């Protein structure tokens, strides 16, 4: 014996309307927050009173002169 689950048409329409409402409300709220709040990602600003003498990052170290074996000896 199995169970029969009956879902009415008004319930399905209500779920679609609720989903669209949450989508549009969230999109409008997110767009409003973008305009009012600054993004926290990125390079931090120096503290007040600090002198930024070196604003560039040091260059990466030179690559090593040796390389990884290519396994041609194993063939």
Protein backbone atom coordinates (compact mmCIF):
# COMPACT_ATOMS: atom_id res chain seq x y z
CA UNK A 1 0.00 0.00 0.00
CA UNK A 2 1.22 3.45 -0.83
CA UNK A 3 0.35 6.86 0.42
CA UNK A 4 -1.15 9.48 -1.83
CA UNK A 5 0.00 13.06 -1.38
CA UNK A 6 -2.41 15.64 -2.72
CA UNK A 7 -1.14 19.16 -3.37
CA UNK A 8 -3.73 21.66 -4.43
CA UNK A 9 -3.32 24.08 -7.32
CA UNK A 10 -3.75 27.19 -5.12
CA UNK A 11 -0.87 25.94 -2.93
CA UNK A 12 1.39 25.55 -5.97
CA UNK A 13 0.51 29.06 -7.19
CA UNK A 14 1.13 30.44 -3.68
CA UNK A 15 4.57 28.80 -3.61
CA UNK A 16 5.48 30.35 -6.98
CA UNK A 17 4.30 33.78 -5.85
CA UNK A 18 6.21 33.45 -2.58
CA UNK A 19 9.35 32.44 -4.47
CA UNK A 20 9.13 35.35 -6.90
CA UNK A 21 8.40 37.76 -4.05
CA UNK A 22 11.45 36.62 -2.08
CA UNK A 23 13.61 36.82 -5.21
CA UNK A 24 12.60 40.37 -6.11
CA UNK A 25 12.69 41.59 -2.49
CA UNK A 26 16.17 40.16 -2.02
CA UNK A 27 17.42 41.64 -5.28
CA UNK A 28 16.13 45.10 -4.37
CA UNK A 29 17.60 44.85 -0.87
CA UNK A 30 20.96 43.72 -2.23
CA UNK A 31 21.11 46.59 -4.70
CA UNK A 32 20.30 49.03 -1.90
CA UNK A 33 23.07 47.60 0.30
CA UNK A 34 25.63 47.91 -2.49
CA UNK A 35 24.98 51.64 -2.71
CA UNK A 36 25.11 52.28 1.04
CA UNK A 37 27.86 49.95 2.33
CA UNK A 38 31.44 49.95 1.05
CA UNK A 39 33.03 46.67 0.07
CA UNK A 40 35.42 45.25 2.63
CA UNK A 41 37.59 43.37 0.15
CA UNK A 42 40.76 44.80 -1.28
CA UNK A 43 44.02 46.28 -0.11
CA UNK A 44 43.66 47.88 3.32
CA UNK A 45 44.45 51.54 3.76
CA UNK A 46 47.39 52.46 5.99
CA UNK A 47 46.56 53.56 9.54
CA UNK A 48 46.32 57.30 10.17
CA UNK A 49 49.67 58.92 10.78
CA UNK A 50 51.65 56.18 9.02
CA UNK A 51 53.88 57.11 6.14
CA UNK A 52 53.49 54.83 3.15
CA UNK A 53 57.09 54.92 1.87
CA UNK A 54 56.99 51.62 -0.01
CA UNK A 55 53.66 51.29 -1.76
CA UNK A 56 54.79 48.51 -4.09
CA UNK A 57 55.17 44.86 -3.22
CA UNK A 58 58.64 43.36 -3.52
CA UNK A 59 59.33 41.37 -6.66
CA UNK A 60 58.95 37.59 -6.40
CA UNK A 61 62.11 35.56 -5.92
CA UNK A 62 63.91 34.24 -8.97
CA UNK A 63 62.99 30.69 -10.02
CA UNK A 64 65.30 27.88 -8.99
CA UNK A 65 67.91 26.74 -11.45
CA UNK A 66 66.95 23.07 -11.08
CA UNK A 67 63.77 21.65 -12.50
CA UNK A 68 61.56 18.74 -11.67
CA UNK A 69 62.46 15.48 -13.48
CA UNK A 70 60.11 14.67 -16.33
CA UNK A 71 60.04 10.90 -15.67
CA UNK A 72 61.51 9.98 -19.06
CA UNK A 73 63.88 7.59 -17.25
CA UNK A 74 60.91 5.50 -16.06
CA UNK A 75 59.69 4.68 -19.57
